[in-house]
N, C-alpha and C. Protein backbone atom coordinates (compact mmCIF):
# COMPACT_ATOMS: atom_id res chain seq x y z
N UNK A 1 -53.70 7.87 50.10
CA UNK A 1 -53.36 8.46 48.97
C UNK A 1 -54.63 9.16 48.69
N UNK A 2 -54.87 10.47 48.60
CA UNK A 2 -56.48 11.10 48.68
C UNK A 2 -56.19 11.99 47.22
N UNK A 3 -57.01 11.47 46.20
CA UNK A 3 -57.01 12.32 44.97
C UNK A 3 -57.85 13.52 45.01
N UNK A 4 -57.64 14.55 44.54
CA UNK A 4 -58.13 15.62 44.53
C UNK A 4 -59.43 15.66 43.34
N UNK A 5 -60.28 16.47 43.33
CA UNK A 5 -61.28 16.30 42.08
C UNK A 5 -60.87 16.58 41.06
N UNK A 6 -59.90 17.81 40.92
CA UNK A 6 -59.37 17.94 39.83
C UNK A 6 -58.33 16.94 39.25
N UNK A 7 -57.94 16.20 40.08
CA UNK A 7 -57.13 14.93 39.59
C UNK A 7 -58.20 13.91 38.75
N UNK A 8 -59.30 13.51 39.84
CA UNK A 8 -59.98 12.49 39.41
C UNK A 8 -60.74 12.99 37.86
N UNK A 9 -60.92 14.47 37.78
CA UNK A 9 -61.60 14.78 36.34
C UNK A 9 -60.84 14.79 35.27
N UNK A 10 -59.44 14.71 35.55
CA UNK A 10 -58.29 14.85 34.69
C UNK A 10 -57.98 13.34 34.06
N UNK A 11 -58.13 12.59 35.34
CA UNK A 11 -58.08 11.28 34.85
C UNK A 11 -59.40 10.64 33.93
N UNK A 12 -60.25 11.11 34.20
CA UNK A 12 -61.91 10.80 33.63
C UNK A 12 -61.36 11.31 32.20
N UNK A 13 -61.35 12.42 32.01
CA UNK A 13 -61.21 13.02 30.70
C UNK A 13 -60.24 12.17 29.63
N UNK A 14 -59.05 11.83 30.51
CA UNK A 14 -57.89 10.82 29.63
C UNK A 14 -58.54 9.60 29.41
N UNK A 15 -59.14 9.25 30.21
CA UNK A 15 -59.81 7.71 29.81
C UNK A 15 -60.81 8.09 28.76
N UNK A 16 -61.47 9.14 28.87
CA UNK A 16 -62.82 9.35 27.48
C UNK A 16 -61.94 9.32 26.48
N UNK A 17 -60.82 10.20 26.55
CA UNK A 17 -60.42 10.82 25.03
C UNK A 17 -59.51 9.17 24.38
N UNK A 18 -59.03 8.46 25.59
CA UNK A 18 -58.52 7.28 24.90
C UNK A 18 -59.39 6.19 24.28
N UNK A 19 -60.30 6.06 25.27
CA UNK A 19 -61.66 5.19 24.72
C UNK A 19 -62.18 5.57 23.64
N UNK A 20 -62.29 6.69 22.96
CA UNK A 20 -62.85 7.32 22.00
C UNK A 20 -61.87 7.15 20.68
N UNK A 21 -60.64 7.32 21.20
CA UNK A 21 -59.44 6.91 19.70
C UNK A 21 -59.79 5.30 19.48
N UNK A 22 -59.82 4.74 20.54
CA UNK A 22 -60.07 3.00 20.21
C UNK A 22 -61.37 2.86 19.33
N UNK A 23 -62.41 3.53 19.73
CA UNK A 23 -63.62 3.39 19.18
C UNK A 23 -63.40 4.00 17.47
N UNK A 24 -63.06 4.87 17.65
CA UNK A 24 -62.62 5.48 16.08
C UNK A 24 -61.87 4.39 15.26
N UNK A 25 -60.72 3.96 15.82
CA UNK A 25 -60.27 2.96 15.29
C UNK A 25 -60.80 1.56 14.76
N UNK A 26 -61.66 1.18 15.78
CA UNK A 26 -62.44 0.11 15.36
C UNK A 26 -63.57 0.34 14.63
N UNK A 27 -63.97 1.36 14.66
CA UNK A 27 -64.81 1.70 13.47
C UNK A 27 -64.30 1.38 12.03
N UNK A 28 -63.22 2.39 11.94
CA UNK A 28 -62.49 2.42 10.51
C UNK A 28 -61.97 0.96 10.47
N UNK A 29 -61.81 0.06 11.21
CA UNK A 29 -61.17 -1.10 10.84
C UNK A 29 -62.37 -2.35 10.25
N UNK A 30 -63.74 -1.89 11.03
CA UNK A 30 -64.99 -2.97 10.57
C UNK A 30 -65.87 -2.58 9.18
N UNK A 31 -65.18 -1.25 8.74
CA UNK A 31 -65.93 -1.10 7.40
C UNK A 31 -65.14 -0.72 6.28
N UNK A 32 -64.82 -2.34 5.78
CA UNK A 32 -63.92 -2.26 4.31
C UNK A 32 -64.43 -1.55 3.09
N UNK A 33 -63.62 -0.79 2.68
CA UNK A 33 -64.15 -0.16 1.38
C UNK A 33 -63.35 -0.95 -0.09
N UNK A 34 -62.65 -1.88 0.21
CA UNK A 34 -62.02 -2.65 -1.10
C UNK A 34 -61.65 -3.77 -0.54
N UNK A 35 -61.56 -4.71 -1.24
CA UNK A 35 -61.43 -5.98 -1.07
C UNK A 35 -60.21 -6.34 -0.28
N UNK A 36 -59.22 -5.42 -0.34
CA UNK A 36 -57.94 -5.98 0.25
C UNK A 36 -57.93 -5.74 1.81
N UNK A 37 -59.03 -4.76 2.07
CA UNK A 37 -59.24 -4.48 3.68
C UNK A 37 -59.80 -5.72 4.20
N UNK A 38 -60.44 -6.43 3.45
CA UNK A 38 -61.28 -7.83 3.99
C UNK A 38 -60.22 -8.64 4.76
N UNK A 39 -59.01 -8.80 4.42
CA UNK A 39 -58.01 -9.62 5.04
C UNK A 39 -57.41 -9.00 6.47
N UNK A 40 -57.47 -7.61 6.38
CA UNK A 40 -57.48 -7.14 7.78
C UNK A 40 -58.41 -7.29 8.74
N UNK A 41 -59.85 -7.87 8.44
CA UNK A 41 -61.03 -7.87 9.46
C UNK A 41 -60.17 -9.10 10.35
N UNK A 42 -61.23 -9.09 11.56
CA UNK A 42 -61.06 -10.49 12.29
C UNK A 42 -61.48 -11.56 11.62
N UNK A 43 -61.63 -13.05 12.15
CA UNK A 43 -62.23 -13.74 11.55
C UNK A 43 -63.78 -13.74 11.80
N UNK A 44 -64.34 -13.29 12.89
CA UNK A 44 -65.83 -13.03 13.03
C UNK A 44 -66.36 -11.75 12.38
N UNK A 45 -65.70 -10.75 12.18
CA UNK A 45 -65.94 -9.63 11.03
C UNK A 45 -65.80 -10.04 10.18
N UNK A 46 -64.95 -11.13 9.12
CA UNK A 46 -65.11 -11.79 8.15
C UNK A 46 -66.23 -12.61 7.69
N UNK A 47 -66.81 -12.97 8.76
CA UNK A 47 -68.14 -13.76 8.66
C UNK A 47 -69.20 -12.99 8.62
N UNK A 48 -69.08 -11.86 9.36
CA UNK A 48 -70.25 -10.77 9.48
C UNK A 48 -70.73 -10.44 8.10
N UNK A 49 -69.32 -9.77 7.74
CA UNK A 49 -69.46 -9.23 6.22
C UNK A 49 -69.77 -10.33 5.13
N UNK A 50 -69.44 -11.38 5.34
CA UNK A 50 -69.85 -12.24 4.19
C UNK A 50 -71.21 -12.36 4.37
N UNK A 51 -71.90 -12.38 5.25
CA UNK A 51 -73.22 -12.72 5.44
C UNK A 51 -74.22 -11.38 4.84
N UNK A 52 -73.26 -10.26 5.32
CA UNK A 52 -74.06 -9.18 5.14
C UNK A 52 -74.18 -9.03 3.69
N UNK A 53 -73.04 -9.43 2.69
CA UNK A 53 -72.85 -8.99 1.47
C UNK A 53 -73.53 -10.24 0.49
N UNK A 54 -73.69 -11.25 1.24
CA UNK A 54 -74.25 -12.31 0.44
C UNK A 54 -75.98 -11.91 -0.44
N UNK A 55 -76.75 -11.21 0.04
CA UNK A 55 -77.77 -10.91 -0.38
C UNK A 55 -77.68 -9.99 -1.62
N UNK A 56 -76.76 -9.24 -1.86
CA UNK A 56 -76.31 -8.37 -3.05
C UNK A 56 -75.95 -9.44 -4.28
N UNK A 57 -76.70 -8.90 -5.11
CA UNK A 57 -76.27 -9.81 -6.78
C UNK A 57 -75.60 -9.10 -7.56
N UNK A 58 -74.33 -8.98 -7.39
CA UNK A 58 -73.48 -8.29 -8.29
C UNK A 58 -72.02 -9.05 -8.33
N UNK A 59 -71.38 -8.51 -9.32
CA UNK A 59 -69.84 -9.11 -9.71
C UNK A 59 -68.96 -9.02 -8.15
N UNK A 60 -69.02 -7.98 -7.72
CA UNK A 60 -68.23 -7.62 -6.65
C UNK A 60 -68.33 -8.62 -5.31
N UNK A 61 -69.94 -8.67 -5.19
CA UNK A 61 -69.95 -9.44 -4.07
C UNK A 61 -69.89 -11.25 -4.15
N UNK A 62 -70.05 -11.34 -5.61
CA UNK A 62 -69.53 -12.75 -6.11
C UNK A 62 -68.25 -13.04 -5.68
N UNK A 63 -67.25 -11.96 -6.12
CA UNK A 63 -65.90 -12.13 -6.12
C UNK A 63 -65.50 -12.24 -4.63
N UNK A 64 -66.14 -11.31 -3.86
CA UNK A 64 -65.56 -11.58 -2.21
C UNK A 64 -66.00 -12.61 -1.70
N UNK A 65 -67.10 -13.53 -1.97
CA UNK A 65 -67.78 -14.67 -1.61
C UNK A 65 -66.99 -15.98 -1.96
N UNK A 66 -66.18 -15.90 -3.65
CA UNK A 66 -65.43 -16.99 -3.84
C UNK A 66 -64.30 -16.39 -3.15
N UNK A 67 -63.62 -15.43 -2.97
CA UNK A 67 -62.30 -15.10 -2.23
C UNK A 67 -62.39 -15.59 -0.75
N UNK A 68 -63.58 -15.41 -0.04
CA UNK A 68 -63.87 -16.03 1.15
C UNK A 68 -63.70 -17.54 1.30
N UNK A 69 -64.26 -18.01 0.05
CA UNK A 69 -63.94 -19.68 0.06
C UNK A 69 -62.60 -19.99 0.28
N UNK A 70 -62.03 -19.20 -0.10
CA UNK A 70 -60.35 -19.50 -0.13
C UNK A 70 -59.63 -19.00 1.54
N UNK A 71 -60.38 -18.24 2.06
CA UNK A 71 -59.81 -17.62 3.30
C UNK A 71 -58.99 -18.85 3.95
N UNK A 72 -57.93 -18.29 4.58
CA UNK A 72 -57.07 -19.20 5.57
C UNK A 72 -58.18 -20.17 6.72
N UNK A 73 -59.16 -19.26 7.21
CA UNK A 73 -60.10 -19.80 8.15
C UNK A 73 -61.13 -20.53 7.76
N UNK A 74 -61.02 -21.96 7.84
CA UNK A 74 -62.14 -22.93 7.27
C UNK A 74 -63.45 -22.01 8.02
N UNK A 75 -63.58 -21.40 9.09
CA UNK A 75 -64.88 -21.06 9.55
C UNK A 75 -65.39 -20.17 8.34
N UNK A 76 -64.60 -18.95 8.11
CA UNK A 76 -65.06 -18.14 7.18
C UNK A 76 -65.05 -18.74 5.75
N UNK A 77 -64.20 -19.80 5.38
CA UNK A 77 -64.89 -20.21 4.04
C UNK A 77 -66.26 -21.20 4.07
N UNK A 78 -66.43 -21.91 5.34
CA UNK A 78 -67.54 -22.61 5.71
C UNK A 78 -69.03 -21.44 5.79
N UNK A 79 -68.56 -20.00 6.20
CA UNK A 79 -69.88 -18.98 6.40
C UNK A 79 -70.04 -18.52 5.08
N UNK A 80 -69.05 -18.51 3.84
CA UNK A 80 -69.13 -17.94 2.37
C UNK A 80 -70.08 -18.89 1.93
N UNK A 81 -69.81 -20.33 2.16
CA UNK A 81 -70.66 -21.43 1.26
C UNK A 81 -71.92 -21.49 1.77
N UNK A 82 -72.29 -21.32 3.13
CA UNK A 82 -73.69 -21.06 3.43
C UNK A 82 -74.20 -20.10 3.07
N UNK A 83 -73.51 -18.72 3.19
CA UNK A 83 -73.90 -17.63 2.29
C UNK A 83 -74.45 -17.88 0.86
N UNK A 84 -73.71 -18.52 0.34
CA UNK A 84 -74.02 -18.74 -1.20
C UNK A 84 -75.04 -19.88 -1.57
N UNK A 85 -75.06 -20.45 -0.58
CA UNK A 85 -76.40 -21.82 -0.51
C UNK A 85 -77.72 -21.03 -0.30
N UNK A 86 -77.49 -20.25 0.66
CA UNK A 86 -78.95 -19.62 1.27
C UNK A 86 -79.39 -18.30 -0.10
N UNK A 87 -78.32 -17.82 -0.71
CA UNK A 87 -78.99 -16.99 -1.53
C UNK A 87 -78.53 -17.16 -3.21
N UNK A 88 -78.71 -18.40 -3.41
CA UNK A 88 -78.97 -18.89 -4.66
C UNK A 88 -77.65 -19.22 -5.46
N UNK A 89 -76.37 -19.25 -4.83
CA UNK A 89 -75.41 -19.39 -5.61
C UNK A 89 -75.01 -20.91 -5.34
N UNK A 90 -75.78 -22.03 -5.44
CA UNK A 90 -75.42 -23.33 -5.20
C UNK A 90 -74.51 -23.71 -6.37
N UNK A 91 -74.62 -23.53 -7.59
CA UNK A 91 -74.06 -23.77 -8.70
C UNK A 91 -72.71 -23.37 -8.61
N UNK A 92 -72.46 -22.24 -8.45
CA UNK A 92 -71.48 -21.18 -8.12
C UNK A 92 -70.28 -22.05 -7.21
N UNK A 93 -70.86 -22.15 -5.74
CA UNK A 93 -70.41 -22.98 -5.01
C UNK A 93 -69.80 -24.63 -5.15
N UNK A 94 -70.70 -25.24 -5.97
CA UNK A 94 -70.13 -26.57 -6.37
C UNK A 94 -69.22 -26.29 -7.29
N UNK A 95 -69.27 -25.43 -8.46
CA UNK A 95 -68.03 -25.39 -9.38
C UNK A 95 -66.94 -24.82 -8.69
N UNK A 96 -66.85 -24.08 -7.45
CA UNK A 96 -65.64 -23.78 -6.72
C UNK A 96 -65.09 -24.76 -6.23
N UNK A 97 -65.90 -25.66 -5.40
CA UNK A 97 -65.38 -27.17 -4.72
C UNK A 97 -64.68 -28.27 -5.63
N UNK A 98 -65.37 -28.02 -7.06
CA UNK A 98 -64.87 -28.77 -8.01
C UNK A 98 -63.40 -28.65 -8.56
N UNK A 99 -63.57 -27.25 -8.66
CA UNK A 99 -62.11 -26.65 -9.07
C UNK A 99 -61.12 -26.73 -7.83
N UNK A 100 -61.29 -27.16 -6.44
CA UNK A 100 -60.24 -27.01 -5.55
C UNK A 100 -60.85 -28.11 -4.54
N UNK A 101 -60.50 -29.26 -5.39
CA UNK A 101 -60.61 -30.47 -4.31
C UNK A 101 -59.70 -30.69 -3.33
N UNK A 102 -60.10 -31.76 -2.27
CA UNK A 102 -59.26 -32.01 -1.27
C UNK A 102 -60.52 -31.96 0.22
N UNK A 103 -59.48 -32.29 0.96
CA UNK A 103 -60.09 -32.40 2.24
C UNK A 103 -61.17 -31.08 2.88
N UNK A 104 -60.43 -29.94 2.69
CA UNK A 104 -61.44 -28.77 3.13
C UNK A 104 -62.66 -28.85 2.37
N UNK A 105 -62.27 -28.96 0.87
CA UNK A 105 -63.65 -28.84 -0.02
C UNK A 105 -64.72 -29.89 0.38
N UNK A 106 -64.24 -31.06 0.77
CA UNK A 106 -65.24 -32.22 0.97
C UNK A 106 -65.96 -31.84 2.37
N UNK A 107 -64.95 -31.34 3.27
CA UNK A 107 -65.83 -30.88 4.78
C UNK A 107 -66.69 -29.70 4.59
N UNK A 108 -66.37 -28.84 3.74
CA UNK A 108 -67.43 -27.87 3.51
C UNK A 108 -68.58 -28.19 2.58
N UNK A 109 -68.33 -29.29 1.82
CA UNK A 109 -69.59 -29.92 1.27
C UNK A 109 -70.43 -30.61 1.85
N UNK A 110 -69.82 -31.40 3.07
CA UNK A 110 -70.47 -32.23 3.70
C UNK A 110 -70.94 -31.52 4.76
N UNK A 111 -70.83 -30.17 5.32
CA UNK A 111 -71.46 -29.26 6.01
C UNK A 111 -72.54 -28.83 5.36
N UNK A 112 -72.66 -28.50 4.17
CA UNK A 112 -73.68 -28.00 3.43
C UNK A 112 -74.84 -28.90 3.38
N UNK A 113 -74.48 -30.08 2.71
CA UNK A 113 -75.70 -31.09 2.83
C UNK A 113 -76.02 -31.24 4.07
N UNK A 114 -75.19 -31.25 5.25
CA UNK A 114 -76.17 -31.50 6.54
C UNK A 114 -77.08 -30.51 6.85
N UNK A 115 -76.50 -29.18 6.60
CA UNK A 115 -77.37 -28.01 6.86
C UNK A 115 -78.53 -28.02 5.66
N UNK A 116 -78.41 -28.77 4.80
CA UNK A 116 -79.52 -28.73 3.67
C UNK A 116 -79.76 -27.25 3.10
């Protein structure tokens, strides 16, 4: 089967268009504009977001970090704990872990102790 130059160009244009659509959707999904969008991100994107907002010292970032501590993914919760520890929120983290006792909180506390 021999493909003509016009067929190859049309196929290339279709692939480029499809690739562009995928990139636009991905870009929209990775830029949360509200707290509810956080849940729609992948686990790695939530971790990235946690570390990105950790240096901010405002009530919205504090609330999102605390929300991330309760994330269904223990990796995201540990990332939030690490970010809080690194950015002067150790007391807030300790309060959260005390208010939410259990195996998960113990593992997070142990991990933070190991990381120093």
